[in-house]
Protein backbone atom coordinates (compact mmCIF):
# COMPACT_ATOMS: atom_id res chain seq x y z
CA MET A 1 -27.45 -18.53 54.41
CA THR A 2 -29.86 -21.46 54.11
CA ARG A 3 -29.74 -23.87 51.20
CA ALA A 4 -32.95 -22.40 49.82
CA HIS A 5 -31.51 -18.89 50.01
CA LEU A 6 -28.25 -20.05 48.30
CA VAL A 7 -30.20 -21.63 45.43
CA ALA A 8 -32.30 -18.48 44.98
CA ALA A 9 -29.26 -16.21 44.96
CA THR A 10 -27.50 -18.46 42.46
CA LEU A 11 -30.59 -18.47 40.17
CA ALA A 12 -30.83 -14.66 40.39
CA ILE A 13 -27.15 -14.24 39.35
CA SER A 14 -27.65 -16.64 36.42
CA LEU A 15 -30.66 -14.74 35.28
CA VAL A 16 -28.84 -11.41 35.46
CA SER A 17 -26.01 -12.92 33.40
CA VAL A 18 -28.34 -14.32 30.78
CA HIS A 19 -30.13 -10.97 30.39
CA ALA A 20 -26.90 -8.93 30.41
CA ARG A 21 -25.01 -11.01 27.83
CA PRO A 22 -27.22 -10.03 24.80
CA HIS A 23 -26.62 -6.36 25.65
CA GLN A 24 -22.86 -6.87 25.86
CA ASP A 25 -22.84 -8.79 22.59
CA ALA A 26 -24.97 -6.13 20.97
CA ALA A 27 -22.54 -3.43 22.09
CA GLN A 28 -19.61 -5.41 20.68
CA SER A 29 -21.33 -6.03 17.38
CA ALA A 30 -22.25 -2.39 16.97
CA GLY A 31 -18.87 -1.80 15.29
CA SER A 32 -16.23 -3.70 13.43
CA SER A 33 -12.41 -3.88 13.71
CA THR A 34 -10.35 -2.52 10.93
CA VAL A 35 -6.58 -2.87 10.26
CA VAL A 36 -4.45 -0.18 8.70
CA TYR A 37 -0.75 -0.37 8.00
CA ALA A 38 1.50 2.57 8.86
CA LEU A 39 5.23 3.40 8.90
CA ALA A 40 6.68 5.70 11.64
CA VAL A 41 9.97 7.49 11.05
CA ASP A 42 12.12 9.88 12.95
CA ASP A 43 13.56 13.27 11.73
CA LYS A 44 16.43 11.33 10.03
CA ASN A 45 13.93 9.18 8.13
CA ALA A 46 14.83 6.09 10.08
CA PRO A 47 12.06 3.73 11.15
CA VAL A 48 10.74 4.05 14.74
CA THR A 49 10.09 0.56 16.00
CA ASP A 50 9.23 0.91 19.74
CA LEU A 51 5.82 2.49 19.60
CA THR A 52 2.77 1.18 21.56
CA PRO A 53 -0.94 1.55 20.97
CA ALA A 54 -0.92 4.50 23.36
CA ASP A 55 1.42 6.41 21.03
CA PHE A 56 -0.99 6.29 18.08
CA VAL A 57 -4.06 8.38 17.34
CA VAL A 58 -6.54 7.20 14.62
CA LYS A 59 -9.34 9.44 13.33
CA GLU A 60 -11.98 8.91 10.64
CA ASP A 61 -13.60 12.08 9.38
CA GLY A 62 -12.16 13.82 12.44
CA LYS A 63 -13.62 11.38 14.91
CA THR A 64 -11.16 9.53 17.16
CA ARG A 65 -11.37 5.75 17.02
CA GLN A 66 -10.55 3.25 19.72
CA ILE A 67 -7.27 1.47 19.03
CA LEU A 68 -7.23 -2.23 19.93
CA SER A 69 -3.62 -2.96 19.04
CA ALA A 70 -0.59 -1.55 17.27
CA GLU A 71 2.03 -4.18 16.58
CA PRO A 72 4.88 -4.85 14.11
CA ALA A 73 3.21 -5.97 10.90
CA THR A 74 3.62 -9.73 10.31
CA ALA A 75 0.96 -10.45 7.68
CA ARG A 76 2.41 -11.67 4.42
CA LEU A 77 2.96 -9.05 1.74
CA GLN A 78 1.60 -9.34 -1.82
CA ILE A 79 3.67 -6.97 -3.99
CA ALA A 80 3.07 -6.10 -7.65
CA VAL A 81 6.19 -4.63 -9.14
CA LEU A 82 5.77 -2.54 -12.30
CA VAL A 83 8.88 -1.84 -14.33
CA ASP A 84 8.82 1.09 -16.81
CA ASP A 85 12.51 1.59 -17.73
CA ASN A 86 12.48 2.22 -21.49
CA GLY A 87 14.33 -1.07 -21.95
CA THR A 88 17.47 0.20 -20.10
CA GLY A 89 17.48 -2.47 -17.39
CA ILE A 90 18.41 0.16 -14.72
CA PHE A 91 16.08 -1.34 -12.09
CA ARG A 92 17.19 -4.98 -12.58
CA TYR A 93 19.79 -5.23 -9.82
CA GLY A 94 17.74 -3.18 -7.38
CA VAL A 95 14.66 -5.33 -7.85
CA GLY A 96 16.78 -8.43 -7.20
CA GLN A 97 18.01 -6.98 -3.93
CA PHE A 98 14.52 -5.82 -3.02
CA ALA A 99 13.10 -9.31 -3.53
CA GLN A 100 15.98 -10.88 -1.57
CA ARG A 101 15.45 -8.58 1.41
CA LEU A 102 11.71 -9.54 1.54
CA GLN A 103 12.32 -13.28 1.08
CA GLY A 104 10.03 -15.35 3.22
CA ARG A 105 7.73 -12.39 3.87
CA ALA A 106 6.22 -11.62 0.44
CA ASP A 107 4.67 -12.94 -2.77
CA ILE A 108 5.96 -10.83 -5.57
CA SER A 109 4.87 -10.43 -9.21
CA LEU A 110 6.76 -8.69 -11.98
CA ARG A 111 5.24 -6.75 -14.79
CA VAL A 112 6.99 -4.81 -17.56
CA VAL A 113 5.35 -1.68 -19.04
CA THR A 114 6.19 -1.26 -22.68
CA GLU A 115 3.53 -0.10 -25.13
CA GLN A 116 1.29 -2.41 -23.06
CA VAL A 117 1.75 -4.24 -19.79
CA ARG A 118 3.26 -7.71 -19.90
CA THR A 119 3.37 -10.08 -16.94
CA ILE A 120 6.82 -11.73 -16.51
CA THR A 121 6.19 -13.55 -13.19
CA ASP A 122 2.87 -13.96 -11.34
CA PHE A 123 2.69 -13.67 -7.55
CA THR A 124 5.22 -16.15 -6.03
CA ASP A 125 7.65 -16.56 -3.18
CA ASN A 126 9.71 -19.09 -5.17
CA VAL A 127 13.28 -17.77 -5.33
CA GLN A 128 14.08 -19.50 -8.63
CA ASP A 129 11.01 -17.95 -10.21
CA TRP A 130 12.16 -14.51 -8.97
CA ILE A 131 15.60 -15.08 -10.42
CA ASN A 132 14.19 -16.15 -13.78
CA GLY A 133 11.85 -13.18 -13.92
CA ILE A 134 14.36 -10.56 -12.84
CA ALA A 135 16.81 -11.91 -15.49
CA GLN A 136 14.34 -10.56 -18.11
CA LEU A 137 14.67 -7.04 -16.76
CA GLY A 138 18.02 -6.50 -18.52
CA VAL A 139 18.60 -4.37 -21.55
CA ARG A 140 15.70 -4.72 -24.02
CA PRO A 141 14.29 -2.84 -27.05
CA SER A 142 13.50 0.74 -25.98
CA THR A 143 10.12 2.33 -25.85
CA PRO A 144 10.98 5.99 -26.46
CA GLU A 145 7.32 6.97 -27.01
CA GLY A 146 6.39 5.95 -23.49
CA GLY A 147 3.87 3.32 -22.45
CA GLN A 148 0.79 2.59 -20.32
CA LEU A 149 1.86 2.79 -16.70
CA LEU A 150 -1.67 3.83 -15.79
CA GLU A 151 -2.86 0.55 -17.14
CA GLY A 152 -0.21 -1.21 -15.03
CA VAL A 153 -1.46 0.35 -11.82
CA SER A 154 -5.01 -0.36 -12.73
CA GLU A 155 -4.40 -4.01 -13.58
CA ALA A 156 -2.27 -4.57 -10.48
CA SER A 157 -5.07 -3.07 -8.33
CA LEU A 158 -7.60 -5.38 -9.86
CA ALA A 159 -5.36 -8.43 -9.47
CA LEU A 160 -4.70 -7.68 -5.79
CA LYS A 161 -8.39 -7.14 -5.14
CA LYS A 162 -9.29 -10.40 -6.78
CA ARG A 163 -6.65 -12.22 -4.65
CA GLU A 164 -8.21 -10.61 -1.56
CA ALA A 165 -4.66 -9.72 -0.56
CA SER A 166 -4.33 -9.08 3.12
CA ARG A 167 -1.40 -6.70 2.83
CA PRO A 168 -1.15 -5.57 -0.79
CA VAL A 169 1.49 -3.28 -2.28
CA ILE A 170 2.15 -1.85 -5.74
CA LEU A 171 5.70 -0.66 -6.53
CA ALA A 172 5.91 1.44 -9.68
CA LEU A 173 9.44 1.98 -11.04
CA THR A 174 9.49 4.45 -13.88
CA VAL A 175 11.78 6.69 -15.90
CA GLY A 176 8.95 9.00 -17.01
CA GLY A 177 7.89 9.75 -20.52
CA GLU A 178 4.63 9.96 -22.46
CA GLU A 179 1.55 8.14 -21.16
CA HIS A 180 -0.79 6.52 -23.72
CA SER A 181 -3.61 5.20 -21.56
CA THR A 182 -7.17 6.56 -21.78
CA LEU A 183 -7.85 5.79 -18.15
CA GLN A 184 -8.87 8.65 -15.86
CA ALA A 185 -6.93 9.42 -12.73
CA LYS A 186 -10.05 9.22 -10.47
CA HIS A 187 -10.94 5.79 -11.81
CA VAL A 188 -7.48 4.40 -11.14
CA LEU A 189 -7.24 5.97 -7.72
CA ASP A 190 -10.62 4.46 -6.84
CA GLN A 191 -9.40 1.06 -8.03
CA LEU A 192 -6.27 1.47 -5.89
CA HIS A 193 -8.44 2.43 -2.90
CA GLU A 194 -10.70 -0.64 -3.35
CA SER A 195 -7.72 -3.00 -3.47
CA ARG A 196 -6.34 -1.47 -0.25
CA ALA A 197 -2.88 -1.50 -1.83
CA ALA A 198 -0.18 0.93 -0.83
CA LEU A 199 1.38 2.58 -3.88
CA TYR A 200 5.11 3.18 -3.80
CA VAL A 201 6.70 5.14 -6.70
CA LEU A 202 10.35 5.39 -7.56
CA PHE A 203 10.63 7.99 -10.28
CA ALA A 204 14.01 8.12 -12.08
CA GLY A 205 13.24 10.86 -14.63
CA ASN A 206 16.28 11.60 -16.68
CA SER A 207 16.51 12.80 -20.29
CA ALA A 208 19.42 10.42 -20.81
CA VAL A 209 17.15 7.47 -20.02
CA ARG A 210 14.11 8.54 -21.89
CA SER A 211 13.87 11.92 -23.56
CA ALA A 212 10.61 13.80 -23.70
CA SER A 213 9.04 14.23 -27.08
CA ALA A 214 9.82 17.65 -28.61
CA ALA A 215 6.94 17.44 -31.03
CA ALA A 216 3.57 19.07 -30.23
CA ARG A 217 1.36 16.55 -28.60
CA PRO A 218 -2.40 16.22 -29.13
CA SER A 219 -4.66 17.13 -26.25
CA GLU A 220 -5.41 13.45 -25.60
CA LEU A 221 -1.76 12.77 -24.81
CA LEU A 222 -1.57 15.83 -22.56
CA ASP A 223 -4.66 14.56 -20.62
CA SER A 224 -3.10 11.12 -20.36
CA ASN A 225 0.11 12.60 -18.84
CA HIS A 226 -1.95 14.66 -16.47
CA ASN A 227 -3.87 11.62 -15.27
CA LEU A 228 -0.58 9.65 -14.75
CA ASP A 229 0.94 12.54 -12.82
CA GLN A 230 -2.07 12.69 -10.55
CA VAL A 231 -2.03 8.95 -9.84
CA LEU A 232 1.75 8.90 -9.21
CA GLY A 233 1.46 11.99 -6.99
CA GLU A 234 -1.80 11.41 -5.07
CA GLY A 235 -1.76 7.63 -5.07
CA PRO A 236 1.10 7.24 -2.54
CA LYS A 237 -0.50 9.84 -0.23
CA GLN A 238 -3.94 8.41 -0.32
CA SER A 239 -2.85 4.75 0.00
CA GLY A 240 -0.09 5.14 2.66
CA GLY A 241 2.83 4.53 0.32
CA ARG A 242 5.69 6.93 -0.59
CA ARG A 243 7.10 8.53 -3.70
CA LYS A 244 10.79 9.07 -4.26
CA ASP A 245 12.22 11.14 -7.16
CA VAL A 246 15.74 10.14 -8.12
CA ILE A 247 18.15 12.08 -10.31
CA ALA A 248 21.24 9.83 -10.16
CA THR A 249 20.45 6.31 -11.26
CA GLN A 250 23.27 5.05 -9.06
CA ALA A 251 20.99 5.69 -6.01
CA LEU A 252 18.29 3.30 -7.22
CA LEU A 253 19.65 0.32 -5.31
CA THR A 254 19.71 2.35 -2.06
CA ASP A 255 16.21 3.66 -2.62
CA LEU A 256 14.75 0.16 -3.38
CA GLN A 257 16.47 -1.22 -0.27
CA GLN A 258 14.90 1.63 1.73
CA ILE A 259 11.42 0.73 0.46
CA ALA A 260 11.97 -2.93 1.43
CA GLY A 261 13.10 -1.70 4.90
CA ASP A 262 10.00 0.48 5.21
CA LEU A 263 7.75 -2.45 4.49
CA ASN A 264 9.56 -4.57 7.04
CA ALA A 265 9.14 -1.80 9.70
CA GLN A 266 5.42 -1.17 9.30
CA TYR A 267 2.92 -1.32 12.09
CA ALA A 268 -0.41 -3.12 11.89
CA ILE A 269 -2.95 -0.91 13.69
CA LYS A 270 -6.26 -2.41 14.61
CA TYR A 271 -9.03 0.00 15.59
CA VAL A 272 -12.83 -0.04 16.06
CA ARG A 273 -15.09 1.48 13.51
CA PRO A 274 -18.59 2.12 14.96
CA ALA A 275 -21.53 0.93 12.88
CA ASP A 276 -22.71 3.82 10.67
CA ARG A 277 -24.77 4.05 7.55
CA ASN A 278 -22.26 6.49 6.00
CA ALA A 279 -18.80 5.07 5.28
CA PRO A 280 -16.00 7.38 6.43
CA GLN A 281 -14.02 9.19 3.80
CA LYS A 282 -10.90 10.57 5.49
CA LEU A 283 -8.36 8.73 7.65
CA GLN A 284 -5.77 10.34 9.85
CA VAL A 285 -3.09 8.37 11.68
CA SER A 286 -0.67 10.28 13.89
CA VAL A 287 1.75 9.69 16.75
CA GLN A 288 1.88 11.67 19.90
CA ARG A 289 5.66 11.25 20.33
CA LYS A 290 7.52 14.36 19.31
CA GLY A 291 9.75 14.18 16.24
CA VAL A 292 7.96 11.11 14.71
CA ASN A 293 6.21 11.30 11.36
CA VAL A 294 3.73 8.74 10.04
CA PHE A 295 3.04 7.42 6.55
CA ALA A 296 -0.40 5.88 6.44
CA PRO A 297 -3.44 6.04 4.13
CA THR A 298 -5.44 9.29 4.08
CA ARG A 299 -8.51 7.65 2.50
CA ALA A 300 -10.45 5.59 5.05
CA PRO A 301 -10.48 1.87 4.10
CA LEU A 302 -13.75 0.55 2.79
CA ARG A 303 -13.67 -2.43 5.22
């Protein structure tokens, strides 16, 4: 090949590359990557930690999405803990062990639900701040008439959204009782979805801890309880969290330790969402390996 031919060939290749690159860039920018967090467990409810991207299937509105990666989640957690214990202090030791197990991996806030929601400790990873906050979860004046747990979930969702938390979680610890919030379930579930927080619920309903009111309740109170039940029931499913109902309060420590273990065992799954005018509504994350179940959001993330 002569020098003239070599120069001409090199120029032709360069021109092809220049013209091809915009098309490649356009194809890559046609969609966006999205991350969703998921927990995989076996039939004994133990975390499965050896999965690869090929094991997962992600669908939005029934359409399979391309998975870019599926790796153990390492992003820092931001956890809002809501304590609704009727002043009994039954969650105090468990919350302490929960925080200890996530030390170095999470910023945690503590809020107590009485007649209203009171912040004890804002989001922090400072161990001494945790200790000081948890110390306030001991026996306190009771709230036999219930409280405003719906308000707690709503406020935590707004706080996490404002912080633009990368891996937000809301942990609601409750002994049940009457709800006195006027918030609607749909409104709170939408706030939860917008925050991208996973809602975990530990429900220790026991008449010895907080007895239900025997008096006839007005319709407004019935509606409030219905809204709370819907959020505590549907919220974990929609957001990728879990709900655990406990009868024996002695099991609370084990259950809180399990939630901490679940968070430590999550996968971060990154997938491609094609550009579309209509935002997807439903999300389905599954695993092809037999005997493995997945806990992941069922509402498609907004971003």
